[in-house]
N, C-alpha and C. Protein backbone atom coordinates (compact mmCIF):
# COMPACT_ATOMS: atom_id res chain seq x y z
N UNK A 1 -19.50 38.15 15.46
CA UNK A 1 -18.94 38.07 14.27
C UNK A 1 -18.76 36.72 14.07
N UNK A 2 -17.67 35.69 14.65
CA UNK A 2 -16.96 34.98 14.53
C UNK A 2 -17.82 33.75 13.64
N UNK A 3 -19.60 33.97 14.24
CA UNK A 3 -20.39 33.14 13.43
C UNK A 3 -21.07 33.49 12.12
N UNK A 4 -20.61 34.68 12.23
CA UNK A 4 -21.47 35.19 10.60
C UNK A 4 -19.75 34.70 9.82
N UNK A 5 -18.81 35.08 10.09
CA UNK A 5 -17.64 34.64 9.15
C UNK A 5 -17.34 33.08 9.20
N UNK A 6 -17.76 32.05 9.72
CA UNK A 6 -18.17 30.68 9.84
C UNK A 6 -19.22 30.22 8.58
N UNK A 7 -20.65 31.18 8.99
CA UNK A 7 -21.14 30.55 8.24
C UNK A 7 -21.41 31.06 6.91
N UNK A 8 -20.50 32.12 6.73
CA UNK A 8 -20.08 32.97 4.97
C UNK A 8 -19.18 31.61 5.19
N UNK A 9 -18.18 31.26 5.58
CA UNK A 9 -17.19 29.47 4.90
C UNK A 9 -17.83 29.19 4.59
N UNK A 10 -19.09 28.42 5.15
CA UNK A 10 -19.40 27.00 4.97
C UNK A 10 -19.98 26.92 3.79
N UNK A 11 -20.90 28.87 3.47
CA UNK A 11 -21.51 27.95 2.39
C UNK A 11 -20.89 28.82 1.02
N UNK A 12 -19.48 29.19 1.47
CA UNK A 12 -18.51 29.24 0.29
C UNK A 12 -18.22 27.82 -0.32
N UNK A 13 -17.46 26.87 0.64
CA UNK A 13 -17.44 25.81 0.24
C UNK A 13 -17.75 25.49 0.15
N UNK A 14 -19.48 25.17 0.20
CA UNK A 14 -20.95 24.63 -0.39
C UNK A 14 -20.88 24.59 -1.91
N UNK A 15 -20.42 26.30 -1.53
CA UNK A 15 -20.66 26.29 -3.34
C UNK A 15 -19.51 25.64 -4.00
N UNK A 16 -18.71 26.13 -3.71
CA UNK A 16 -17.13 25.28 -4.33
C UNK A 16 -17.18 23.83 -4.48
N UNK A 17 -17.90 22.82 -3.54
CA UNK A 17 -18.36 21.51 -3.58
C UNK A 17 -18.89 20.92 -4.52
N UNK A 18 -20.03 22.29 -4.37
CA UNK A 18 -21.42 21.62 -5.53
C UNK A 18 -20.68 22.30 -7.30
N UNK A 19 -19.74 23.13 -7.34
CA UNK A 19 -19.44 23.58 -8.54
C UNK A 19 -18.41 22.50 -8.59
N UNK A 20 -18.03 21.94 -8.01
CA UNK A 20 -16.67 20.54 -8.54
C UNK A 20 -17.44 19.06 -8.96
N UNK A 21 -18.25 19.13 -8.03
CA UNK A 21 -18.91 17.60 -8.08
C UNK A 21 -19.62 18.14 -9.45
N UNK A 22 -20.90 18.48 -9.60
CA UNK A 22 -21.94 19.20 -10.88
C UNK A 22 -21.02 18.64 -11.93
N UNK A 23 -20.42 18.51 -12.71
CA UNK A 23 -20.04 18.45 -13.55
C UNK A 23 -19.52 17.18 -13.53
N UNK A 24 -19.34 16.52 -12.85
CA UNK A 24 -19.23 14.56 -12.96
C UNK A 24 -20.33 14.05 -12.77
N UNK A 25 -21.07 15.02 -11.82
CA UNK A 25 -22.26 14.14 -11.44
C UNK A 25 -23.27 13.84 -13.46
N UNK A 26 -23.00 15.17 -14.05
CA UNK A 26 -24.01 15.16 -15.53
C UNK A 26 -23.27 14.21 -15.89
N UNK A 27 -22.23 13.81 -16.15
CA UNK A 27 -21.42 13.21 -17.25
C UNK A 27 -20.66 11.03 -16.42
N UNK A 28 -22.35 11.08 -14.99
CA UNK A 28 -20.99 10.12 -14.32
C UNK A 28 -21.08 8.51 -15.17
N UNK A 29 -21.63 8.75 -16.14
CA UNK A 29 -22.23 7.28 -17.01
C UNK A 29 -21.09 7.15 -18.39
N UNK A 30 -20.33 8.71 -18.88
CA UNK A 30 -19.83 9.03 -20.01
C UNK A 30 -18.05 9.00 -20.26
N UNK A 31 -17.30 8.72 -18.56
CA UNK A 31 -16.28 8.16 -18.64
C UNK A 31 -15.71 7.16 -17.96
N UNK A 32 -14.38 7.46 -18.36
CA UNK A 32 -13.79 6.87 -17.57
C UNK A 32 -12.19 7.49 -17.15
N UNK A 33 -11.47 6.67 -15.61
CA UNK A 33 -10.14 7.19 -15.98
C UNK A 33 -9.83 5.56 -15.20
N UNK A 34 -8.44 5.65 -14.69
CA UNK A 34 -7.86 4.05 -14.72
C UNK A 34 -6.40 4.55 -14.55
N UNK A 35 -5.30 4.40 -13.45
CA UNK A 35 -4.54 5.16 -13.69
C UNK A 35 -3.14 4.08 -12.43
N UNK A 36 -2.09 3.71 -13.31
CA UNK A 36 -1.27 2.73 -12.88
C UNK A 36 0.29 3.19 -12.57
N UNK A 37 1.23 2.93 -11.54
CA UNK A 37 1.98 2.79 -11.12
C UNK A 37 3.11 2.45 -11.27
N UNK A 38 4.35 1.74 -11.54
CA UNK A 38 4.83 1.10 -10.86
C UNK A 38 6.57 2.42 -11.02
N UNK A 39 6.90 2.40 -9.67
CA UNK A 39 8.82 2.51 -9.09
C UNK A 39 9.21 1.40 -8.40
N UNK A 40 10.61 2.30 -8.90
CA UNK A 40 12.25 0.70 -8.38
C UNK A 40 13.10 1.50 -8.19
N UNK A 41 14.42 1.26 -8.44
CA UNK A 41 15.50 1.82 -7.50
C UNK A 41 15.70 2.17 -9.26
N UNK A 42 15.14 1.75 -10.96
CA UNK A 42 15.48 1.73 -11.44
C UNK A 42 15.05 3.31 -11.88
N UNK A 43 13.60 3.57 -12.05
CA UNK A 43 12.70 4.44 -12.04
C UNK A 43 11.55 3.71 -11.79
N UNK A 44 10.98 5.30 -12.37
CA UNK A 44 9.29 5.08 -11.83
C UNK A 44 7.77 5.38 -13.34
N UNK A 45 6.75 5.02 -13.39
CA UNK A 45 6.01 5.19 -14.14
C UNK A 45 4.74 5.40 -13.98
N UNK A 46 4.32 6.36 -15.29
CA UNK A 46 2.76 5.70 -14.40
C UNK A 46 1.94 5.82 -15.82
N UNK A 47 0.61 4.91 -16.06
CA UNK A 47 -0.42 5.39 -17.52
C UNK A 47 -0.73 5.35 -16.85
N UNK A 48 -1.86 7.04 -17.49
CA UNK A 48 -3.20 6.61 -17.29
C UNK A 48 -4.12 6.40 -17.99
N UNK A 49 -5.22 5.79 -18.34
CA UNK A 49 -6.04 5.70 -19.28
C UNK A 49 -7.87 5.71 -19.43
N UNK A 50 -7.38 7.37 -19.89
CA UNK A 50 -9.11 8.39 -20.21
C UNK A 50 -9.90 7.83 -21.22
N UNK A 51 -11.29 7.20 -21.54
CA UNK A 51 -12.69 6.77 -22.06
C UNK A 51 -13.60 7.55 -21.49
N UNK A 52 -14.17 8.22 -23.08
CA UNK A 52 -15.10 8.96 -23.24
C UNK A 52 -15.55 9.67 -24.58
N UNK A 53 -17.00 9.92 -24.25
CA UNK A 53 -17.89 10.43 -25.23
C UNK A 53 -17.76 11.88 -25.99
N UNK A 54 -17.38 11.97 -26.70
CA UNK A 54 -17.70 13.41 -27.12
C UNK A 54 -18.89 13.21 -28.00
N UNK A 55 -18.73 14.69 -28.46
CA UNK A 55 -19.58 16.39 -28.82
C UNK A 55 -20.67 14.92 -30.20
N UNK A 56 -19.70 13.84 -30.97
CA UNK A 56 -20.68 13.66 -31.58
C UNK A 56 -21.30 11.69 -31.10
N UNK A 57 -20.71 12.02 -30.28
CA UNK A 57 -21.20 10.63 -30.42
C UNK A 57 -20.64 9.07 -30.09
N UNK A 58 -18.61 9.51 -30.53
CA UNK A 58 -17.61 8.61 -30.64
C UNK A 58 -17.17 8.42 -29.24
N UNK A 59 -16.74 7.05 -29.55
CA UNK A 59 -15.62 6.80 -27.99
C UNK A 59 -14.38 7.64 -28.17
N UNK A 60 -13.35 7.80 -27.17
CA UNK A 60 -12.78 8.06 -27.50
C UNK A 60 -11.21 7.84 -26.55
N UNK A 61 -10.11 7.07 -26.46
CA UNK A 61 -9.81 6.90 -26.16
C UNK A 61 -7.56 7.77 -25.69
N UNK A 62 -7.68 8.05 -24.21
CA UNK A 62 -6.39 8.91 -24.62
C UNK A 62 -5.51 7.86 -22.96
N UNK A 63 -4.26 7.53 -23.57
CA UNK A 63 -3.37 7.09 -22.66
C UNK A 63 -2.15 7.94 -23.02
N UNK A 64 -1.88 8.06 -21.66
CA UNK A 64 -0.52 9.09 -20.57
C UNK A 64 0.34 7.75 -20.21
N UNK A 65 1.00 9.01 -20.88
CA UNK A 65 2.71 7.46 -20.09
C UNK A 65 3.95 7.94 -19.94
N UNK A 66 3.76 8.77 -18.49
CA UNK A 66 5.51 9.13 -18.06
C UNK A 66 6.17 8.25 -17.85
N UNK A 67 7.45 8.19 -17.91
CA UNK A 67 8.09 7.94 -17.12
C UNK A 67 9.66 8.15 -16.55
N UNK A 68 10.13 8.00 -15.52
CA UNK A 68 11.53 8.57 -15.94
C UNK A 68 12.03 7.48 -14.99
N UNK A 69 13.52 8.22 -15.62
CA UNK A 69 14.48 6.91 -14.77
C UNK A 69 16.05 7.46 -14.57
N UNK A 70 17.01 6.79 -14.87
CA UNK A 70 17.97 7.31 -14.68
C UNK A 70 19.13 8.31 -15.98
N UNK A 71 18.48 7.69 -16.88
CA UNK A 71 19.30 8.69 -18.17
C UNK A 71 18.22 9.20 -18.59
N UNK A 72 16.86 9.48 -17.74
CA UNK A 72 15.77 10.82 -18.09
C UNK A 72 15.03 10.31 -17.95
N UNK A 73 13.67 11.98 -18.15
CA UNK A 73 12.07 11.22 -18.21
C UNK A 73 11.49 11.29 -20.31
N UNK A 74 9.89 11.00 -19.36
CA UNK A 74 9.48 10.84 -21.02
C UNK A 74 7.91 11.26 -20.78
N UNK A 75 7.44 11.86 -21.59
CA UNK A 75 6.35 11.49 -21.63
C UNK A 75 5.78 11.60 -23.05
N UNK A 76 4.80 11.03 -23.00
CA UNK A 76 4.15 10.08 -24.60
C UNK A 76 1.89 10.03 -23.95
N UNK A 77 2.00 10.47 -25.67
CA UNK A 77 0.27 10.00 -25.40
C UNK A 77 -0.22 9.02 -26.05
N UNK A 78 -0.86 8.48 -26.46
CA UNK A 78 -1.67 7.92 -27.06
C UNK A 78 -3.52 8.73 -27.78
N UNK A 79 -4.41 9.01 -28.96
CA UNK A 79 -5.58 8.95 -29.08
C UNK A 79 -5.77 7.64 -30.20
N UNK A 80 -6.65 7.78 -29.36
CA UNK A 80 -7.96 6.51 -30.14
C UNK A 80 -8.64 6.85 -30.59
N UNK A 81 -10.01 6.34 -31.25
CA UNK A 81 -11.26 6.51 -31.54
C UNK A 81 -11.92 5.28 -31.84
N UNK A 82 -13.50 5.24 -31.63
CA UNK A 82 -14.02 4.12 -32.23
C UNK A 82 -15.84 4.43 -32.64
N UNK A 83 -16.02 3.80 -33.81
CA UNK A 83 -16.53 5.11 -34.56
C UNK A 83 -18.27 4.59 -33.80
């Protein structure tokens, strides 16, 4: 019984991995992600830049800025594109 359960678990894990990786592999050359972080005693920040091609062939960019410090926290998103 353990062997059967183990085989089913391995099959399920393989299938889930394939489902998770397939979209990434299909769009391997169509996207870009980069992140920068900073932390100090006065606060922290995270900047994430994502670039991708939409269905119309336009290149789109999204910059997300997350900041937290003694005076509070903020989130800002900047979207831009090129034709």
